[in-house]
Amino acid sequence: MSNVNDGDPLERLFDFIENAPADEALIKMDCNDCCEKITQLAEQVANGADLNEIWPEMQKFMNYWGDCREEFDALVAVIQQERAHEGFDFTDIDHSVFS
C-alpha cells in the first residue's frame, strides 16, 4: 500500500478512495461514545503494546484519518507522562517562581 502522504493531492485522493478501510464498526464509531474503550487502548499502547497487534483494523483506520491518529497519539503521550511523574512530590517545588 502506498503512503497516503506521498504524491500530489489528486493522487492522494484517489489512493484514499481506493484503499481507505471500510470497516463499518469503525466508520460508525463515535469516539465520544467509545471514550472508555479508546482510553483502554491508549493505556495498552502506552505500556508498549503494538496497536497493529491489538486491533489491526483501528491501526489501518488511523493511517487514513490523521486527526484521529493525532488525538490518539496525544492521549498515549499524556498517559506516558502521567506515569513518568507518578509519585513526584510537587510540594518540593519552589512556588515563588510562579508568582
N, C-alpha and C. Protein backbone atom coordinates (compact mmCIF):
# COMPACT_ATOMS: atom_id res chain seq x y z
N MET A 1 0.84 -1.17 0.00
CA MET A 1 0.00 0.00 0.00
C MET A 1 0.89 1.23 0.00
N SER A 2 0.54 2.22 -0.79
CA SER A 2 1.33 3.45 -0.83
C SER A 2 0.99 4.31 0.38
N ASN A 3 1.90 5.19 0.69
CA ASN A 3 1.71 6.11 1.81
C ASN A 3 0.76 7.20 1.37
N VAL A 4 -0.31 7.45 2.14
CA VAL A 4 -1.31 8.44 1.76
C VAL A 4 -0.75 9.85 1.80
N ASN A 5 0.43 10.06 2.34
CA ASN A 5 1.02 11.39 2.40
C ASN A 5 1.94 11.66 1.21
N ASP A 6 2.16 10.70 0.32
CA ASP A 6 3.03 10.87 -0.84
C ASP A 6 2.21 11.32 -2.05
N GLY A 7 2.88 11.99 -2.99
CA GLY A 7 2.25 12.33 -4.26
C GLY A 7 1.46 13.62 -4.21
N ASP A 8 0.88 13.95 -5.36
CA ASP A 8 0.10 15.18 -5.45
C ASP A 8 -1.28 14.97 -4.83
N PRO A 9 -2.00 16.06 -4.57
CA PRO A 9 -3.30 15.96 -3.88
C PRO A 9 -4.31 15.06 -4.60
N LEU A 10 -4.36 15.12 -5.92
CA LEU A 10 -5.31 14.29 -6.65
C LEU A 10 -4.94 12.81 -6.52
N GLU A 11 -3.65 12.53 -6.59
CA GLU A 11 -3.19 11.15 -6.41
C GLU A 11 -3.53 10.65 -5.01
N ARG A 12 -3.33 11.48 -4.01
CA ARG A 12 -3.66 11.09 -2.63
C ARG A 12 -5.16 10.84 -2.47
N LEU A 13 -5.98 11.66 -3.13
CA LEU A 13 -7.43 11.48 -3.06
C LEU A 13 -7.82 10.12 -3.64
N PHE A 14 -7.29 9.81 -4.83
CA PHE A 14 -7.61 8.51 -5.44
C PHE A 14 -7.11 7.35 -4.59
N ASP A 15 -5.92 7.50 -4.02
CA ASP A 15 -5.38 6.47 -3.14
C ASP A 15 -6.29 6.27 -1.93
N PHE A 16 -6.75 7.37 -1.37
CA PHE A 16 -7.64 7.30 -0.21
C PHE A 16 -8.92 6.57 -0.57
N ILE A 17 -9.53 6.96 -1.68
CA ILE A 17 -10.79 6.35 -2.10
C ILE A 17 -10.61 4.85 -2.35
N GLU A 18 -9.50 4.50 -2.97
CA GLU A 18 -9.26 3.10 -3.31
C GLU A 18 -8.88 2.24 -2.11
N ASN A 19 -8.12 2.80 -1.15
CA ASN A 19 -7.52 1.97 -0.11
C ASN A 19 -8.00 2.22 1.32
N ALA A 20 -8.79 3.25 1.53
CA ALA A 20 -9.24 3.53 2.89
C ALA A 20 -10.04 2.36 3.45
N PRO A 21 -9.80 2.02 4.71
CA PRO A 21 -10.53 0.89 5.30
C PRO A 21 -12.02 1.19 5.35
N ALA A 22 -12.81 0.16 5.15
CA ALA A 22 -14.26 0.32 5.13
C ALA A 22 -14.92 -0.50 6.23
N ASP A 23 -14.28 -0.62 7.36
CA ASP A 23 -14.83 -1.36 8.49
C ASP A 23 -16.02 -0.57 9.05
N GLU A 24 -17.22 -1.11 8.87
CA GLU A 24 -18.45 -0.40 9.26
C GLU A 24 -18.47 -0.02 10.74
N ALA A 25 -17.97 -0.90 11.60
CA ALA A 25 -17.97 -0.60 13.04
C ALA A 25 -17.10 0.62 13.34
N LEU A 26 -15.96 0.73 12.66
CA LEU A 26 -15.08 1.89 12.88
C LEU A 26 -15.68 3.15 12.28
N ILE A 27 -16.28 3.03 11.13
CA ILE A 27 -16.88 4.20 10.48
C ILE A 27 -18.01 4.76 11.33
N LYS A 28 -18.80 3.90 11.92
CA LYS A 28 -19.94 4.34 12.73
C LYS A 28 -19.55 4.72 14.15
N MET A 29 -18.32 4.39 14.55
CA MET A 29 -17.90 4.64 15.92
C MET A 29 -17.80 6.14 16.19
N ASP A 30 -18.37 6.56 17.29
CA ASP A 30 -18.23 7.93 17.76
C ASP A 30 -17.24 7.89 18.91
N CYS A 31 -16.11 8.56 18.74
CA CYS A 31 -15.06 8.50 19.76
C CYS A 31 -15.55 8.96 21.12
N ASN A 32 -16.50 9.89 21.14
CA ASN A 32 -17.04 10.34 22.42
C ASN A 32 -17.82 9.22 23.11
N ASP A 33 -18.53 8.43 22.33
CA ASP A 33 -19.29 7.32 22.89
C ASP A 33 -18.38 6.16 23.29
N CYS A 34 -17.24 6.04 22.64
CA CYS A 34 -16.31 4.94 22.90
C CYS A 34 -15.09 5.40 23.67
N CYS A 35 -15.23 6.48 24.39
CA CYS A 35 -14.09 7.09 25.09
C CYS A 35 -13.38 6.10 25.99
N GLU A 36 -14.13 5.30 26.74
CA GLU A 36 -13.51 4.36 27.67
C GLU A 36 -12.69 3.31 26.92
N LYS A 37 -13.23 2.81 25.81
CA LYS A 37 -12.51 1.80 25.03
C LYS A 37 -11.25 2.40 24.41
N ILE A 38 -11.34 3.61 23.89
CA ILE A 38 -10.18 4.28 23.30
C ILE A 38 -9.12 4.53 24.39
N THR A 39 -9.56 4.94 25.58
CA THR A 39 -8.63 5.17 26.68
C THR A 39 -7.92 3.89 27.08
N GLN A 40 -8.67 2.79 27.16
CA GLN A 40 -8.05 1.50 27.49
C GLN A 40 -7.04 1.09 26.42
N LEU A 41 -7.37 1.33 25.17
CA LEU A 41 -6.47 1.02 24.08
C LEU A 41 -5.21 1.88 24.18
N ALA A 42 -5.37 3.17 24.47
CA ALA A 42 -4.23 4.07 24.62
C ALA A 42 -3.35 3.65 25.80
N GLU A 43 -3.97 3.18 26.87
CA GLU A 43 -3.20 2.72 28.02
C GLU A 43 -2.35 1.50 27.65
N GLN A 44 -2.92 0.59 26.87
CA GLN A 44 -2.16 -0.58 26.44
C GLN A 44 -0.98 -0.17 25.57
N VAL A 45 -1.21 0.77 24.65
CA VAL A 45 -0.13 1.24 23.77
C VAL A 45 0.92 1.99 24.59
N ALA A 46 0.47 2.76 25.58
CA ALA A 46 1.42 3.48 26.46
C ALA A 46 2.29 2.50 27.23
N ASN A 47 1.77 1.30 27.47
CA ASN A 47 2.54 0.25 28.16
C ASN A 47 3.45 -0.53 27.22
N GLY A 48 3.42 -0.18 25.93
CA GLY A 48 4.31 -0.84 24.98
C GLY A 48 3.65 -1.79 24.02
N ALA A 49 2.34 -1.95 24.12
CA ALA A 49 1.64 -2.84 23.20
C ALA A 49 1.64 -2.23 21.78
N ASP A 50 1.54 -3.09 20.79
CA ASP A 50 1.50 -2.67 19.40
C ASP A 50 0.04 -2.61 18.95
N LEU A 51 -0.40 -1.41 18.55
CA LEU A 51 -1.78 -1.23 18.14
C LEU A 51 -2.15 -2.18 17.01
N ASN A 52 -1.22 -2.44 16.11
CA ASN A 52 -1.48 -3.33 14.98
C ASN A 52 -1.75 -4.76 15.44
N GLU A 53 -1.19 -5.16 16.57
CA GLU A 53 -1.45 -6.50 17.11
C GLU A 53 -2.74 -6.54 17.92
N ILE A 54 -3.04 -5.44 18.62
CA ILE A 54 -4.25 -5.39 19.45
C ILE A 54 -5.50 -5.27 18.60
N TRP A 55 -5.47 -4.32 17.67
CA TRP A 55 -6.66 -4.02 16.87
C TRP A 55 -6.21 -3.55 15.50
N PRO A 56 -5.87 -4.47 14.60
CA PRO A 56 -5.32 -4.11 13.29
C PRO A 56 -6.23 -3.19 12.48
N GLU A 57 -7.53 -3.38 12.58
CA GLU A 57 -8.45 -2.53 11.83
C GLU A 57 -8.35 -1.07 12.28
N MET A 58 -8.15 -0.85 13.58
CA MET A 58 -8.02 0.51 14.10
C MET A 58 -6.72 1.12 13.59
N GLN A 59 -5.65 0.34 13.53
CA GLN A 59 -4.38 0.82 13.01
C GLN A 59 -4.55 1.29 11.56
N LYS A 60 -5.21 0.48 10.74
CA LYS A 60 -5.44 0.84 9.34
C LYS A 60 -6.29 2.11 9.26
N PHE A 61 -7.31 2.17 10.09
CA PHE A 61 -8.20 3.33 10.13
C PHE A 61 -7.41 4.60 10.44
N MET A 62 -6.55 4.53 11.45
CA MET A 62 -5.79 5.71 11.86
C MET A 62 -4.74 6.12 10.82
N ASN A 63 -4.32 5.18 9.98
CA ASN A 63 -3.40 5.54 8.91
C ASN A 63 -4.05 6.49 7.92
N TYR A 64 -5.37 6.45 7.81
CA TYR A 64 -6.10 7.29 6.87
C TYR A 64 -6.76 8.49 7.53
N TRP A 65 -7.05 8.42 8.79
CA TRP A 65 -7.72 9.53 9.48
C TRP A 65 -6.71 10.17 10.43
N GLY A 66 -5.98 11.15 9.90
CA GLY A 66 -4.89 11.80 10.62
C GLY A 66 -5.31 12.46 11.91
N ASP A 67 -6.49 13.10 11.93
CA ASP A 67 -6.95 13.76 13.15
C ASP A 67 -7.15 12.76 14.27
N CYS A 68 -7.74 11.64 13.93
CA CYS A 68 -7.96 10.58 14.92
C CYS A 68 -6.62 10.08 15.43
N ARG A 69 -5.67 9.89 14.53
CA ARG A 69 -4.34 9.41 14.90
C ARG A 69 -3.64 10.40 15.83
N GLU A 70 -3.73 11.69 15.50
CA GLU A 70 -3.08 12.71 16.33
C GLU A 70 -3.67 12.73 17.74
N GLU A 71 -4.98 12.65 17.84
CA GLU A 71 -5.62 12.65 19.16
C GLU A 71 -5.25 11.40 19.95
N PHE A 72 -5.21 10.26 19.29
CA PHE A 72 -4.85 9.02 19.96
C PHE A 72 -3.40 9.08 20.45
N ASP A 73 -2.50 9.55 19.57
CA ASP A 73 -1.09 9.67 19.95
C ASP A 73 -0.90 10.65 21.11
N ALA A 74 -1.68 11.73 21.10
CA ALA A 74 -1.61 12.70 22.19
C ALA A 74 -2.06 12.07 23.51
N LEU A 75 -3.12 11.27 23.45
CA LEU A 75 -3.60 10.59 24.65
C LEU A 75 -2.56 9.62 25.18
N VAL A 76 -1.92 8.87 24.29
CA VAL A 76 -0.86 7.95 24.69
C VAL A 76 0.27 8.73 25.36
N ALA A 77 0.65 9.87 24.79
CA ALA A 77 1.74 10.69 25.35
C ALA A 77 1.38 11.22 26.73
N VAL A 78 0.14 11.64 26.92
CA VAL A 78 -0.31 12.13 28.23
C VAL A 78 -0.24 11.01 29.27
N ILE A 79 -0.71 9.84 28.90
CA ILE A 79 -0.68 8.70 29.82
C ILE A 79 0.77 8.36 30.19
N GLN A 80 1.66 8.38 29.20
CA GLN A 80 3.07 8.09 29.47
C GLN A 80 3.68 9.13 30.39
N GLN A 81 3.35 10.40 30.20
CA GLN A 81 3.88 11.46 31.06
C GLN A 81 3.32 11.35 32.48
N GLU A 82 2.04 11.04 32.59
CA GLU A 82 1.46 10.86 33.92
C GLU A 82 2.18 9.75 34.67
N ARG A 83 2.44 8.66 33.99
CA ARG A 83 3.13 7.54 34.63
C ARG A 83 4.57 7.89 34.98
N ALA A 84 5.21 8.69 34.15
CA ALA A 84 6.60 9.09 34.40
C ALA A 84 6.70 9.98 35.64
N HIS A 85 5.61 10.68 35.97
CA HIS A 85 5.64 11.59 37.10
C HIS A 85 4.86 11.08 38.31
N GLU A 86 4.41 9.82 38.27
CA GLU A 86 3.73 9.24 39.42
C GLU A 86 4.69 9.24 40.60
N GLY A 87 4.18 9.65 41.72
CA GLY A 87 4.98 9.67 42.94
C GLY A 87 5.84 10.91 43.08
N PHE A 88 5.79 11.81 42.09
CA PHE A 88 6.57 13.04 42.19
C PHE A 88 5.96 13.92 43.27
N ASP A 89 6.79 14.44 44.14
CA ASP A 89 6.32 15.28 45.25
C ASP A 89 6.33 16.74 44.81
N PHE A 90 5.16 17.25 44.44
CA PHE A 90 5.06 18.62 43.97
C PHE A 90 5.22 19.64 45.09
N THR A 91 5.18 19.22 46.33
CA THR A 91 5.36 20.17 47.44
C THR A 91 6.79 20.67 47.52
N ASP A 92 7.72 19.97 46.87
CA ASP A 92 9.11 20.40 46.88
C ASP A 92 9.40 21.52 45.88
N ILE A 93 8.43 21.87 45.04
CA ILE A 93 8.64 22.89 44.04
C ILE A 93 8.65 24.27 44.70
N ASP A 94 9.57 25.11 44.29
CA ASP A 94 9.64 26.50 44.77
C ASP A 94 8.53 27.28 44.07
N HIS A 95 7.42 27.51 44.78
CA HIS A 95 6.26 28.17 44.20
C HIS A 95 6.48 29.67 43.98
N SER A 96 7.53 30.23 44.52
CA SER A 96 7.77 31.67 44.34
C SER A 96 8.11 32.00 42.88
N VAL A 97 8.57 31.02 42.11
CA VAL A 97 8.87 31.28 40.72
C VAL A 97 7.60 31.48 39.87
N PHE A 98 6.46 31.08 40.43
CA PHE A 98 5.19 31.21 39.71
C PHE A 98 4.45 32.49 40.10
N SER A 99 5.00 33.27 41.00
CA SER A 99 4.35 34.49 41.48
C SER A 99 4.75 35.69 40.68
